[in-house]
Amino acid sequence: MAAARIAALLVVVAGLSACATAGGFIQDSQAVGSAVADELDD
């Protein structure tokens, strides 16, 4: 039973890490997009 709980916990942690990474990637993409838009406006 303990092994199953540990496995489930690892899955949850991995999922949260993936979400955090995806969120950071989206923010970076938006920052790059706005920087490019600023350059085009000049």
PDB file of N, CA and C in Angstrom:
ATOM      1  N   MET A   1       0.835  -1.204   0.000  1.00  0.00           N
ATOM      2  CA  MET A   1       0.000   0.000   0.000  1.00  0.00           C
ATOM      3  C   MET A   1       0.869   1.253   0.000  1.00  0.00           C
ATOM      4  N   ALA A   2       1.942   1.236   0.775  1.00  0.00           N
ATOM      5  CA  ALA A   2       2.820   2.405   0.844  1.00  0.00           C
ATOM      6  C   ALA A   2       3.444   2.694  -0.518  1.00  0.00           C
ATOM      7  N   ALA A   3       3.798   1.635  -1.242  1.00  0.00           N
ATOM      8  CA  ALA A   3       4.413   1.821  -2.562  1.00  0.00           C
ATOM      9  C   ALA A   3       3.437   2.505  -3.506  1.00  0.00           C
ATOM     10  N   ALA A   4       2.172   2.133  -3.426  1.00  0.00           N
ATOM     11  CA  ALA A   4       1.166   2.744  -4.290  1.00  0.00           C
ATOM     12  C   ALA A   4       0.996   4.220  -3.957  1.00  0.00           C
ATOM     13  N   ARG A   5       1.021   4.536  -2.676  1.00  0.00           N
ATOM     14  CA  ARG A   5       0.894   5.947  -2.268  1.00  0.00           C
ATOM     15  C   ARG A   5       2.081   6.762  -2.751  1.00  0.00           C
ATOM     16  N   ILE A   6       3.278   6.186  -2.637  1.00  0.00           N
ATOM     17  CA  ILE A   6       4.485   6.885  -3.089  1.00  0.00           C
ATOM     18  C   ILE A   6       4.419   7.102  -4.599  1.00  0.00           C
ATOM     19  N   ALA A   7       3.986   6.082  -5.333  1.00  0.00           N
ATOM     20  CA  ALA A   7       3.878   6.196  -6.786  1.00  0.00           C
ATOM     21  C   ALA A   7       2.875   7.276  -7.158  1.00  0.00           C
ATOM     22  N   ALA A   8       1.737   7.305  -6.467  1.00  0.00           N
ATOM     23  CA  ALA A   8       0.715   8.312  -6.745  1.00  0.00           C
ATOM     24  C   ALA A   8       1.251   9.704  -6.451  1.00  0.00           C
ATOM     25  N   LEU A   9       1.986   9.835  -5.369  1.00  0.00           N
ATOM     26  CA  LEU A   9       2.562  11.133  -5.001  1.00  0.00           C
ATOM     27  C   LEU A   9       3.556  11.601  -6.062  1.00  0.00           C
ATOM     28  N   LEU A  10       4.371  10.678  -6.564  1.00  0.00           N
ATOM     29  CA  LEU A  10       5.340  11.026  -7.609  1.00  0.00           C
ATOM     30  C   LEU A  10       4.624  11.485  -8.873  1.00  0.00           C
ATOM     31  N   VAL A  11       3.526  10.833  -9.207  1.00  0.00           N
ATOM     32  CA  VAL A  11       2.758  11.219 -10.395  1.00  0.00           C
ATOM     33  C   VAL A  11       2.214  12.630 -10.224  1.00  0.00           C
ATOM     34  N   VAL A  12       1.691  12.932  -9.045  1.00  0.00           N
ATOM     35  CA  VAL A  12       1.145  14.266  -8.778  1.00  0.00           C
ATOM     36  C   VAL A  12       2.249  15.316  -8.861  1.00  0.00           C
ATOM     37  N   VAL A  13       3.387  15.041  -8.244  1.00  0.00           N
ATOM     38  CA  VAL A  13       4.506  15.989  -8.273  1.00  0.00           C
ATOM     39  C   VAL A  13       4.986  16.206  -9.705  1.00  0.00           C
ATOM     40  N   ALA A  14       5.083  15.133 -10.465  1.00  0.00           N
ATOM     41  CA  ALA A  14       5.517  15.246 -11.859  1.00  0.00           C
ATOM     42  C   ALA A  14       4.520  16.074 -12.655  1.00  0.00           C
ATOM     43  N   GLY A  15       3.239  15.877 -12.398  1.00  0.00           N
ATOM     44  CA  GLY A  15       2.209  16.652 -13.091  1.00  0.00           C
ATOM     45  C   GLY A  15       2.300  18.131 -12.753  1.00  0.00           C
ATOM     46  N   LEU A  16       2.509  18.448 -11.482  1.00  0.00           N
ATOM     47  CA  LEU A  16       2.632  19.849 -11.074  1.00  0.00           C
ATOM     48  C   LEU A  16       3.872  20.485 -11.692  1.00  0.00           C
ATOM     49  N   SER A  17       4.959  19.732 -11.743  1.00  0.00           N
ATOM     50  CA  SER A  17       6.193  20.246 -12.340  1.00  0.00           C
ATOM     51  C   SER A  17       5.975  20.539 -13.818  1.00  0.00           C
ATOM     52  N   ALA A  18       5.277  19.636 -14.505  1.00  0.00           N
ATOM     53  CA  ALA A  18       5.006  19.830 -15.929  1.00  0.00           C
ATOM     54  C   ALA A  18       4.145  21.065 -16.137  1.00  0.00           C
ATOM     55  N   CYS A  19       3.148  21.261 -15.282  1.00  0.00           N
ATOM     56  CA  CYS A  19       2.275  22.437 -15.391  1.00  0.00           C
ATOM     57  C   CYS A  19       3.079  23.712 -15.163  1.00  0.00           C
ATOM     58  N   ALA A  20       3.957  23.709 -14.176  1.00  0.00           N
ATOM     59  CA  ALA A  20       4.768  24.890 -13.881  1.00  0.00           C
ATOM     60  C   ALA A  20       5.689  25.202 -15.052  1.00  0.00           C
ATOM     61  N   THR A  21       6.264  24.161 -15.641  1.00  0.00           N
ATOM     62  CA  THR A  21       7.162  24.355 -16.785  1.00  0.00           C
ATOM     63  C   THR A  21       6.388  24.913 -17.969  1.00  0.00           C
ATOM     64  N   ALA A  22       5.202  24.350 -18.221  1.00  0.00           N
ATOM     65  CA  ALA A  22       4.381  24.829 -19.335  1.00  0.00           C
ATOM     66  C   ALA A  22       3.980  26.276 -19.110  1.00  0.00           C
ATOM     67  N   GLY A  23       3.629  26.623 -17.876  1.00  0.00           N
ATOM     68  CA  GLY A  23       3.249  28.003 -17.560  1.00  0.00           C
ATOM     69  C   GLY A  23       4.402  28.960 -17.802  1.00  0.00           C
ATOM     70  N   GLY A  24       5.599  28.571 -17.411  1.00  0.00           N
ATOM     71  CA  GLY A  24       6.772  29.412 -17.638  1.00  0.00           C
ATOM     72  C   GLY A  24       7.052  29.571 -19.115  1.00  0.00           C
ATOM     73  N   PHE A  25       6.851  28.484 -19.868  1.00  0.00           N
ATOM     74  CA  PHE A  25       7.094  28.545 -21.314  1.00  0.00           C
ATOM     75  C   PHE A  25       6.109  29.497 -21.976  1.00  0.00           C
ATOM     76  N   ILE A  26       4.842  29.444 -21.544  1.00  0.00           N
ATOM     77  CA  ILE A  26       3.817  30.329 -22.113  1.00  0.00           C
ATOM     78  C   ILE A  26       4.157  31.783 -21.802  1.00  0.00           C
ATOM     79  N   GLN A  27       4.584  32.068 -20.578  1.00  0.00           N
ATOM     80  CA  GLN A  27       4.949  33.439 -20.206  1.00  0.00           C
ATOM     81  C   GLN A  27       6.131  33.919 -21.035  1.00  0.00           C
ATOM     82  N   ASP A  28       7.112  33.046 -21.245  1.00  0.00           N
ATOM     83  CA  ASP A  28       8.275  33.413 -22.055  1.00  0.00           C
ATOM     84  C   ASP A  28       7.843  33.712 -23.484  1.00  0.00           C
ATOM     85  N   SER A  29       6.952  32.902 -24.021  1.00  0.00           N
ATOM     86  CA  SER A  29       6.477  33.107 -25.386  1.00  0.00           C
ATOM     87  C   SER A  29       5.766  34.447 -25.509  1.00  0.00           C
ATOM     88  N   GLN A  30       4.966  34.793 -24.513  1.00  0.00           N
ATOM     89  CA  GLN A  30       4.254  36.071 -24.539  1.00  0.00           C
ATOM     90  C   GLN A  30       5.247  37.226 -24.465  1.00  0.00           C
ATOM     91  N   ALA A  31       6.283  37.086 -23.652  1.00  0.00           N
ATOM     92  CA  ALA A  31       7.291  38.134 -23.524  1.00  0.00           C
ATOM     93  C   ALA A  31       8.013  38.325 -24.852  1.00  0.00           C
ATOM     94  N   VAL A  32       8.365  37.230 -25.506  1.00  0.00           N
ATOM     95  CA  VAL A  32       9.042  37.313 -26.806  1.00  0.00           C
ATOM     96  C   VAL A  32       8.109  37.949 -27.825  1.00  0.00           C
ATOM     97  N   GLY A  33       6.844  37.547 -27.815  1.00  0.00           N
ATOM     98  CA  GLY A  33       5.877  38.108 -28.754  1.00  0.00           C
ATOM     99  C   GLY A  33       5.713  39.602 -28.574  1.00  0.00           C
ATOM    100  N   SER A  34       5.638  40.066 -27.346  1.00  0.00           N
ATOM    101  CA  SER A  34       5.469  41.506 -27.111  1.00  0.00           C
ATOM    102  C   SER A  34       6.744  42.259 -27.476  1.00  0.00           C
ATOM    103  N   ALA A  35       7.908  41.652 -27.260  1.00  0.00           N
ATOM    104  CA  ALA A  35       9.170  42.293 -27.636  1.00  0.00           C
ATOM    105  C   ALA A  35       9.248  42.445 -29.148  1.00  0.00           C
ATOM    106  N   VAL A  36       8.838  41.417 -29.872  1.00  0.00           N
ATOM    107  CA  VAL A  36       8.837  41.477 -31.342  1.00  0.00           C
ATOM    108  C   VAL A  36       7.854  42.533 -31.811  1.00  0.00           C
ATOM    109  N   ALA A  37       6.685  42.593 -31.195  1.00  0.00           N
ATOM    110  CA  ALA A  37       5.681  43.590 -31.574  1.00  0.00           C
ATOM    111  C   ALA A  37       6.222  44.999 -31.344  1.00  0.00           C
ATOM    112  N   ASP A  38       6.928  45.203 -30.240  1.00  0.00           N
ATOM    113  CA  ASP A  38       7.521  46.517 -29.949  1.00  0.00           C
ATOM    114  C   ASP A  38       8.538  46.893 -31.025  1.00  0.00           C
ATOM    115  N   GLU A  39       9.345  45.929 -31.438  1.00  0.00           N
ATOM    116  CA  GLU A  39      10.351  46.195 -32.475  1.00  0.00           C
ATOM    117  C   GLU A  39       9.669  46.563 -33.790  1.00  0.00           C
ATOM    118  N   LEU A  40       8.596  45.882 -34.120  1.00  0.00           N
ATOM    119  CA  LEU A  40       7.889  46.152 -35.374  1.00  0.00           C
ATOM    120  C   LEU A  40       7.224  47.525 -35.335  1.00  0.00           C
ATOM    121  N   ASP A  41       6.799  47.954 -34.157  1.00  0.00           N
ATOM    122  CA  ASP A  41       6.142  49.263 -34.031  1.00  0.00           C
ATOM    123  C   ASP A  41       7.129  50.396 -34.286  1.00  0.00           C
ATOM    124  N   ASP A  42       8.401  50.175 -33.965  1.00  0.00           N
ATOM    125  CA  ASP A  42       9.431  51.210 -34.169  1.00  0.00           C
ATOM    126  C   ASP A  42       9.716  51.378 -35.615  1.00  0.00           C
TER     127      ASP A  42
END
